[in-house]
Amino acid sequence: MGLSPDLQMDSSPSESFSASRWTHGNFLFPTRLVVSPQRVTRVKSRLFGSNEESIAMSKVASVHISTGVFWSEIRIESSGGTDPITSQGHRKADARRIRDLIETYQAQSRV
């Protein structure tokens, strides 16, 4: 019912990674990164609605992970010249998993 038509037709597996509420900008509405074989999507909820931005998997140029003591910041850059997707406050293991998923999906699309 609450799914958009685009998501209902897409039965491919996707993984979602939420940022920690203890990090800057994520206290009330933590940022989520959703990685699927088709795209990487950053979902930032708001009081009314949400803000989503995505990059097609074929357009992902690089993934940059900056780790701190507890949390990581991940920046996903596109080859299309648009602004990169940036999300902070993810666990280090989640940031590495996001990078590995992107690399795996890109390798599968080349075959």
N, C-alpha and C. Protein backbone atom coordinates (compact mmCIF):
# COMPACT_ATOMS: atom_id res chain seq x y z
N MET A 1 0.81 -1.19 0.00
CA MET A 1 0.00 0.00 0.00
C MET A 1 0.86 1.25 0.00
N GLY A 2 1.82 1.35 0.92
CA GLY A 2 2.61 2.55 1.05
C GLY A 2 3.83 2.57 0.14
N LEU A 3 4.00 1.55 -0.71
CA LEU A 3 5.16 1.50 -1.58
C LEU A 3 4.87 2.24 -2.87
N SER A 4 5.91 2.85 -3.39
CA SER A 4 5.74 3.51 -4.69
C SER A 4 5.69 2.44 -5.77
N PRO A 5 5.05 2.71 -6.92
CA PRO A 5 4.97 1.71 -7.98
C PRO A 5 6.33 1.21 -8.43
N ASP A 6 7.33 2.07 -8.42
CA ASP A 6 8.66 1.68 -8.85
C ASP A 6 9.23 0.59 -7.95
N LEU A 7 8.97 0.70 -6.64
CA LEU A 7 9.51 -0.28 -5.70
C LEU A 7 8.71 -1.57 -5.72
N GLN A 8 7.43 -1.54 -6.05
CA GLN A 8 6.63 -2.75 -6.06
C GLN A 8 7.06 -3.68 -7.17
N MET A 9 7.41 -3.14 -8.34
CA MET A 9 7.81 -3.95 -9.46
C MET A 9 9.22 -4.49 -9.29
N ASP A 10 10.03 -3.80 -8.55
CA ASP A 10 11.43 -4.17 -8.36
C ASP A 10 11.53 -5.21 -7.26
N SER A 11 11.66 -6.48 -7.65
CA SER A 11 11.71 -7.55 -6.66
C SER A 11 13.14 -7.96 -6.34
N SER A 12 14.12 -7.22 -6.82
CA SER A 12 15.50 -7.55 -6.57
C SER A 12 15.86 -7.28 -5.11
N PRO A 13 16.82 -8.02 -4.59
CA PRO A 13 17.20 -7.82 -3.20
C PRO A 13 17.89 -6.47 -2.99
N SER A 14 17.61 -5.85 -1.88
CA SER A 14 18.30 -4.62 -1.54
C SER A 14 18.61 -4.65 -0.05
N GLU A 15 19.67 -3.97 0.32
CA GLU A 15 20.06 -3.89 1.73
C GLU A 15 20.00 -2.43 2.16
N SER A 16 19.52 -2.22 3.38
CA SER A 16 19.37 -0.89 3.92
C SER A 16 20.29 -0.73 5.13
N PHE A 17 20.96 0.42 5.22
CA PHE A 17 21.90 0.71 6.29
C PHE A 17 21.54 2.04 6.92
N SER A 18 21.23 2.04 8.21
CA SER A 18 20.85 3.27 8.92
C SER A 18 22.03 3.84 9.68
N ALA A 19 22.11 5.16 9.68
CA ALA A 19 23.15 5.85 10.44
C ALA A 19 22.76 5.85 11.92
N SER A 20 23.74 6.03 12.76
CA SER A 20 23.50 6.07 14.20
C SER A 20 22.81 7.37 14.58
N ARG A 21 21.90 7.28 15.53
CA ARG A 21 21.22 8.47 16.04
C ARG A 21 22.15 9.35 16.87
N TRP A 22 23.31 8.84 17.25
CA TRP A 22 24.25 9.58 18.09
C TRP A 22 25.15 10.49 17.28
N THR A 23 24.95 10.58 15.99
CA THR A 23 25.82 11.40 15.15
C THR A 23 25.07 12.65 14.66
N HIS A 24 25.84 13.64 14.25
CA HIS A 24 25.31 14.94 13.83
C HIS A 24 24.29 14.80 12.70
N GLY A 25 23.12 15.39 12.88
CA GLY A 25 22.09 15.40 11.85
C GLY A 25 21.22 14.16 11.78
N ASN A 26 21.45 13.19 12.65
CA ASN A 26 20.71 11.94 12.58
C ASN A 26 19.89 11.65 13.83
N PHE A 27 19.78 12.62 14.75
CA PHE A 27 19.15 12.34 16.04
C PHE A 27 17.68 11.94 15.90
N LEU A 28 16.87 12.76 15.26
CA LEU A 28 15.44 12.44 15.13
C LEU A 28 15.17 11.52 13.94
N PHE A 29 15.81 11.82 12.83
CA PHE A 29 15.55 11.07 11.60
C PHE A 29 16.87 10.60 11.00
N PRO A 30 17.32 9.40 11.36
CA PRO A 30 18.61 8.93 10.83
C PRO A 30 18.56 8.69 9.33
N THR A 31 19.66 8.97 8.69
CA THR A 31 19.80 8.76 7.25
C THR A 31 19.91 7.27 6.96
N ARG A 32 19.29 6.84 5.87
CA ARG A 32 19.39 5.45 5.42
C ARG A 32 20.02 5.41 4.04
N LEU A 33 20.91 4.45 3.83
CA LEU A 33 21.44 4.17 2.50
C LEU A 33 20.89 2.82 2.08
N VAL A 34 20.25 2.78 0.92
CA VAL A 34 19.68 1.55 0.39
C VAL A 34 20.46 1.18 -0.86
N VAL A 35 21.04 -0.01 -0.86
CA VAL A 35 21.86 -0.47 -1.98
C VAL A 35 21.14 -1.64 -2.64
N SER A 36 20.85 -1.50 -3.93
CA SER A 36 20.25 -2.58 -4.72
C SER A 36 21.09 -2.77 -5.98
N PRO A 37 20.85 -3.82 -6.75
CA PRO A 37 21.64 -4.01 -7.97
C PRO A 37 21.46 -2.88 -8.99
N GLN A 38 20.37 -2.13 -8.91
CA GLN A 38 20.11 -1.07 -9.87
C GLN A 38 20.63 0.30 -9.43
N ARG A 39 20.60 0.60 -8.13
CA ARG A 39 20.91 1.96 -7.68
C ARG A 39 21.34 1.99 -6.21
N VAL A 40 21.95 3.13 -5.85
CA VAL A 40 22.24 3.46 -4.46
C VAL A 40 21.37 4.66 -4.12
N THR A 41 20.60 4.55 -3.04
CA THR A 41 19.67 5.61 -2.67
C THR A 41 19.96 6.07 -1.25
N ARG A 42 19.98 7.39 -1.07
CA ARG A 42 20.10 8.00 0.26
C ARG A 42 18.73 8.55 0.62
N VAL A 43 18.18 8.09 1.76
CA VAL A 43 16.86 8.51 2.20
C VAL A 43 17.02 9.26 3.52
N LYS A 44 16.64 10.53 3.51
CA LYS A 44 16.68 11.35 4.71
C LYS A 44 15.24 11.74 5.04
N SER A 45 14.70 11.15 6.12
CA SER A 45 13.33 11.44 6.52
C SER A 45 13.26 12.82 7.16
N ARG A 46 12.08 13.41 7.07
CA ARG A 46 11.80 14.70 7.70
C ARG A 46 10.51 14.55 8.46
N LEU A 47 10.10 15.61 9.14
CA LEU A 47 8.86 15.58 9.89
C LEU A 47 7.69 15.28 8.95
N PHE A 48 7.69 15.91 7.78
CA PHE A 48 6.66 15.67 6.78
C PHE A 48 7.33 15.21 5.50
N GLY A 49 7.35 13.93 5.24
CA GLY A 49 7.93 13.40 4.02
C GLY A 49 9.38 13.00 4.17
N SER A 50 10.06 12.91 3.05
CA SER A 50 11.47 12.53 3.05
C SER A 50 12.16 13.13 1.83
N ASN A 51 13.47 13.12 1.87
CA ASN A 51 14.30 13.60 0.77
C ASN A 51 15.12 12.41 0.28
N GLU A 52 14.99 12.07 -0.99
CA GLU A 52 15.71 10.93 -1.55
C GLU A 52 16.58 11.39 -2.71
N GLU A 53 17.77 10.82 -2.78
CA GLU A 53 18.63 11.02 -3.93
C GLU A 53 19.28 9.69 -4.26
N SER A 54 19.42 9.41 -5.54
CA SER A 54 19.97 8.12 -5.93
C SER A 54 20.92 8.27 -7.10
N ILE A 55 21.78 7.27 -7.22
CA ILE A 55 22.73 7.18 -8.33
C ILE A 55 22.58 5.77 -8.89
N ALA A 56 22.42 5.68 -10.20
CA ALA A 56 22.35 4.38 -10.86
C ALA A 56 23.67 3.64 -10.64
N MET A 57 23.58 2.33 -10.45
CA MET A 57 24.78 1.54 -10.16
C MET A 57 25.81 1.67 -11.29
N SER A 58 25.34 1.78 -12.53
CA SER A 58 26.27 1.91 -13.65
C SER A 58 26.97 3.27 -13.66
N LYS A 59 26.46 4.25 -12.93
CA LYS A 59 27.03 5.59 -12.89
C LYS A 59 27.90 5.85 -11.66
N VAL A 60 28.02 4.88 -10.76
CA VAL A 60 28.86 5.06 -9.57
C VAL A 60 30.32 5.02 -10.00
N ALA A 61 31.03 6.10 -9.72
CA ALA A 61 32.43 6.19 -10.12
C ALA A 61 33.38 5.74 -9.00
N SER A 62 33.08 6.15 -7.75
CA SER A 62 33.96 5.78 -6.66
C SER A 62 33.20 5.81 -5.34
N VAL A 63 33.76 5.08 -4.37
CA VAL A 63 33.22 5.05 -3.01
C VAL A 63 34.36 5.41 -2.08
N HIS A 64 34.17 6.44 -1.28
CA HIS A 64 35.20 6.90 -0.35
C HIS A 64 34.67 6.73 1.07
N ILE A 65 35.44 6.04 1.91
CA ILE A 65 35.07 5.82 3.30
C ILE A 65 36.08 6.54 4.18
N SER A 66 35.58 7.38 5.07
CA SER A 66 36.43 8.07 6.03
C SER A 66 36.02 7.57 7.42
N THR A 67 36.93 6.89 8.11
CA THR A 67 36.58 6.31 9.40
C THR A 67 37.12 7.15 10.54
N GLY A 68 36.34 7.19 11.61
CA GLY A 68 36.73 7.84 12.84
C GLY A 68 36.90 6.79 13.92
N VAL A 69 36.84 7.22 15.16
CA VAL A 69 36.99 6.29 16.27
C VAL A 69 35.82 5.31 16.31
N PHE A 70 34.59 5.84 16.16
CA PHE A 70 33.41 5.00 16.24
C PHE A 70 32.65 4.89 14.93
N TRP A 71 32.53 6.00 14.22
CA TRP A 71 31.64 6.06 13.06
C TRP A 71 32.41 6.36 11.79
N SER A 72 31.76 6.07 10.68
CA SER A 72 32.35 6.33 9.37
C SER A 72 31.47 7.26 8.55
N GLU A 73 32.11 7.98 7.67
CA GLU A 73 31.40 8.78 6.68
C GLU A 73 31.65 8.12 5.33
N ILE A 74 30.60 7.99 4.54
CA ILE A 74 30.75 7.37 3.23
C ILE A 74 30.30 8.35 2.16
N ARG A 75 31.11 8.47 1.10
CA ARG A 75 30.78 9.36 -0.01
C ARG A 75 30.82 8.54 -1.29
N ILE A 76 29.71 8.56 -2.00
CA ILE A 76 29.56 7.81 -3.24
C ILE A 76 29.47 8.82 -4.37
N GLU A 77 30.47 8.81 -5.25
CA GLU A 77 30.54 9.78 -6.34
C GLU A 77 30.07 9.15 -7.64
N SER A 78 29.43 9.98 -8.47
CA SER A 78 28.92 9.47 -9.74
C SER A 78 29.79 9.96 -10.89
N SER A 79 29.73 9.23 -11.98
CA SER A 79 30.47 9.63 -13.17
C SER A 79 29.67 10.63 -14.00
N GLY A 80 28.44 10.91 -13.61
CA GLY A 80 27.58 11.82 -14.36
C GLY A 80 27.76 13.27 -13.99
N GLY A 81 28.62 13.57 -13.04
CA GLY A 81 28.87 14.95 -12.68
C GLY A 81 27.92 15.53 -11.64
N THR A 82 27.01 14.72 -11.12
CA THR A 82 26.11 15.23 -10.10
C THR A 82 26.80 15.25 -8.74
N ASP A 83 26.16 15.86 -7.76
CA ASP A 83 26.72 15.89 -6.42
C ASP A 83 26.81 14.47 -5.86
N PRO A 84 27.86 14.19 -5.10
CA PRO A 84 27.99 12.85 -4.52
C PRO A 84 26.96 12.63 -3.40
N ILE A 85 26.66 11.38 -3.16
CA ILE A 85 25.82 11.01 -2.02
C ILE A 85 26.75 10.89 -0.83
N THR A 86 26.47 11.65 0.23
CA THR A 86 27.29 11.63 1.43
C THR A 86 26.41 11.28 2.63
N SER A 87 26.90 10.39 3.46
CA SER A 87 26.16 10.01 4.67
C SER A 87 27.16 9.76 5.78
N GLN A 88 26.90 10.31 6.94
CA GLN A 88 27.82 10.13 8.07
C GLN A 88 27.11 9.38 9.19
N GLY A 89 27.89 8.77 10.07
CA GLY A 89 27.34 8.10 11.24
C GLY A 89 27.07 6.62 11.05
N HIS A 90 27.68 6.01 10.05
CA HIS A 90 27.50 4.56 9.84
C HIS A 90 28.60 3.80 10.56
N ARG A 91 28.27 2.59 10.98
CA ARG A 91 29.29 1.72 11.57
C ARG A 91 30.34 1.41 10.51
N LYS A 92 31.55 1.16 10.94
CA LYS A 92 32.64 0.87 10.01
C LYS A 92 32.33 -0.37 9.18
N ALA A 93 31.77 -1.39 9.82
CA ALA A 93 31.44 -2.63 9.10
C ALA A 93 30.36 -2.38 8.06
N ASP A 94 29.39 -1.52 8.38
CA ASP A 94 28.35 -1.19 7.40
C ASP A 94 28.93 -0.44 6.22
N ALA A 95 29.83 0.50 6.46
CA ALA A 95 30.45 1.26 5.38
C ALA A 95 31.23 0.32 4.45
N ARG A 96 31.94 -0.62 5.02
CA ARG A 96 32.68 -1.58 4.19
C ARG A 96 31.72 -2.48 3.41
N ARG A 97 30.61 -2.86 4.05
CA ARG A 97 29.60 -3.71 3.38
C ARG A 97 28.97 -2.95 2.20
N ILE A 98 28.69 -1.67 2.39
CA ILE A 98 28.14 -0.86 1.30
C ILE A 98 29.11 -0.83 0.13
N ARG A 99 30.38 -0.57 0.42
CA ARG A 99 31.40 -0.55 -0.63
C ARG A 99 31.49 -1.90 -1.35
N ASP A 100 31.50 -2.99 -0.58
CA ASP A 100 31.60 -4.32 -1.17
C ASP A 100 30.38 -4.65 -2.04
N LEU A 101 29.18 -4.26 -1.58
CA LEU A 101 27.99 -4.50 -2.38
C LEU A 101 28.05 -3.75 -3.71
N ILE A 102 28.46 -2.50 -3.66
CA ILE A 102 28.56 -1.70 -4.88
C ILE A 102 29.55 -2.33 -5.85
N GLU A 103 30.71 -2.73 -5.35
CA GLU A 103 31.72 -3.35 -6.21
C GLU A 103 31.21 -4.66 -6.79
N THR A 104 30.49 -5.45 -5.99
CA THR A 104 29.94 -6.73 -6.48
C THR A 104 28.90 -6.51 -7.55
N TYR A 105 27.97 -5.57 -7.33
CA TYR A 105 26.93 -5.30 -8.31
C TYR A 105 27.52 -4.76 -9.61
N GLN A 106 28.55 -3.93 -9.51
CA GLN A 106 29.18 -3.40 -10.72
C GLN A 106 29.90 -4.51 -11.49
N ALA A 107 30.56 -5.41 -10.78
CA ALA A 107 31.26 -6.52 -11.43
C ALA A 107 30.26 -7.45 -12.11
N GLN A 108 29.11 -7.67 -11.49
CA GLN A 108 28.08 -8.54 -12.08
C GLN A 108 27.50 -7.92 -13.35
N SER A 109 27.39 -6.61 -13.38
CA SER A 109 26.81 -5.97 -14.56
C SER A 109 27.76 -5.98 -15.74
N ARG A 110 29.05 -6.11 -15.50
CA ARG A 110 30.03 -6.14 -16.57
C ARG A 110 30.08 -7.50 -17.26
N VAL A 111 29.66 -8.53 -16.58
CA VAL A 111 29.76 -9.90 -17.13
C VAL A 111 28.69 -10.16 -18.14
